[in-house]
Amino acid sequence: KMNVTIIREYFDKFGEIGRIFLQPSEKKKKQRGPNFTEGWIEFKRKRDAKVVAKRLNNQQVNGRRRTPWYDEIWNI
């Protein structure tokens, strides 16, 4: 249920972001907006991408408890 805006806000603090790609889900659900299964983020600097990968891999996504991704784990 994350979208490009949420992803950009979250990862913008780690460095300048180039492109973001989110893979839409194959399942058609009656929900508002698309549902994504996975995504890719490209940083302008390789060093920023490595820092994010080290810091967030296998960590809880966090956020507020009521967010749908609160208990999910980053796979970076």
Protein backbone atom coordinates (compact mmCIF):
# COMPACT_ATOMS: atom_id res chain seq x y z
CA LYS A 1 0.00 0.00 0.00
CA MET A 2 3.01 2.28 -0.22
CA ASN A 3 3.17 4.57 -3.22
CA VAL A 4 5.88 6.59 -4.93
CA THR A 5 5.25 9.65 -2.75
CA ILE A 6 5.58 7.71 0.51
CA ILE A 7 8.71 5.90 -0.72
CA ARG A 8 10.32 9.16 -1.86
CA GLU A 9 9.60 10.87 1.48
CA TYR A 10 10.99 7.92 3.44
CA PHE A 11 14.21 7.44 1.45
CA ASP A 12 14.90 11.10 0.66
CA LYS A 13 16.61 11.55 4.02
CA PHE A 14 19.30 9.03 2.97
CA GLY A 15 20.34 10.83 -0.20
CA GLU A 16 19.23 12.16 -3.57
CA ILE A 17 16.91 9.72 -5.34
CA GLY A 18 17.04 9.13 -9.09
CA ARG A 19 14.23 6.80 -10.16
CA ILE A 20 11.60 4.77 -8.32
CA PHE A 21 9.81 1.78 -9.84
CA LEU A 22 6.95 -0.07 -8.13
CA GLN A 23 5.65 -3.38 -9.53
CA PRO A 24 1.82 -3.47 -9.56
CA SER A 25 0.12 -6.51 -8.08
CA GLU A 26 -1.39 -9.09 -10.44
CA LYS A 27 -4.44 -9.54 -8.21
CA LYS A 28 -7.35 -7.25 -8.92
CA LYS A 29 -8.84 -6.08 -5.64
CA LYS A 30 -11.57 -3.55 -5.10
CA GLN A 31 -9.34 -0.96 -3.48
CA ARG A 32 -8.59 2.64 -4.08
CA GLY A 33 -5.42 2.97 -6.09
CA PRO A 34 -2.96 0.29 -7.19
CA ASN A 35 -1.47 -2.33 -4.88
CA PHE A 36 2.27 -2.99 -5.31
CA THR A 37 4.22 -6.18 -4.63
CA GLU A 38 7.82 -4.92 -4.86
CA GLY A 39 9.85 -1.95 -5.99
CA TRP A 40 13.26 -0.53 -6.86
CA ILE A 41 14.90 2.74 -5.90
CA GLU A 42 17.90 4.23 -7.66
CA PHE A 43 20.03 6.72 -5.78
CA LYS A 44 22.19 9.29 -7.57
CA ARG A 45 25.24 8.22 -5.55
CA LYS A 46 26.30 4.61 -5.09
CA ARG A 47 27.54 5.37 -1.57
CA ASP A 48 24.02 6.42 -0.47
CA ALA A 49 22.55 3.18 -1.82
CA LYS A 50 25.10 1.12 0.08
CA VAL A 51 24.38 2.95 3.34
CA VAL A 52 20.64 2.37 2.93
CA ALA A 53 21.17 -1.31 2.16
CA LYS A 54 23.33 -1.79 5.27
CA ARG A 55 21.07 0.19 7.56
CA LEU A 56 17.64 -1.07 6.50
CA ASN A 57 18.11 -4.67 5.29
CA ASN A 58 16.12 -7.10 7.49
CA GLN A 59 14.82 -4.25 9.66
CA GLN A 60 11.21 -3.50 10.51
CA VAL A 61 9.60 -0.84 8.30
CA ASN A 62 8.14 0.93 11.37
CA GLY A 63 6.04 4.04 11.14
CA ARG A 64 2.84 4.42 13.10
CA ARG A 65 1.20 1.24 14.40
CA ARG A 66 -1.92 1.73 12.32
CA THR A 67 -0.05 1.81 9.02
CA PRO A 68 -0.51 -1.36 6.93
CA TRP A 69 3.24 -1.93 6.61
CA TYR A 70 4.14 -1.51 10.31
CA ASP A 71 5.05 -5.20 10.83
CA GLU A 72 6.73 -5.70 7.44
CA ILE A 73 10.48 -6.18 7.04
CA TRP A 74 12.70 -4.42 4.47
CA ASN A 75 14.44 -6.75 2.00
CA ILE A 76 17.15 -4.58 0.48
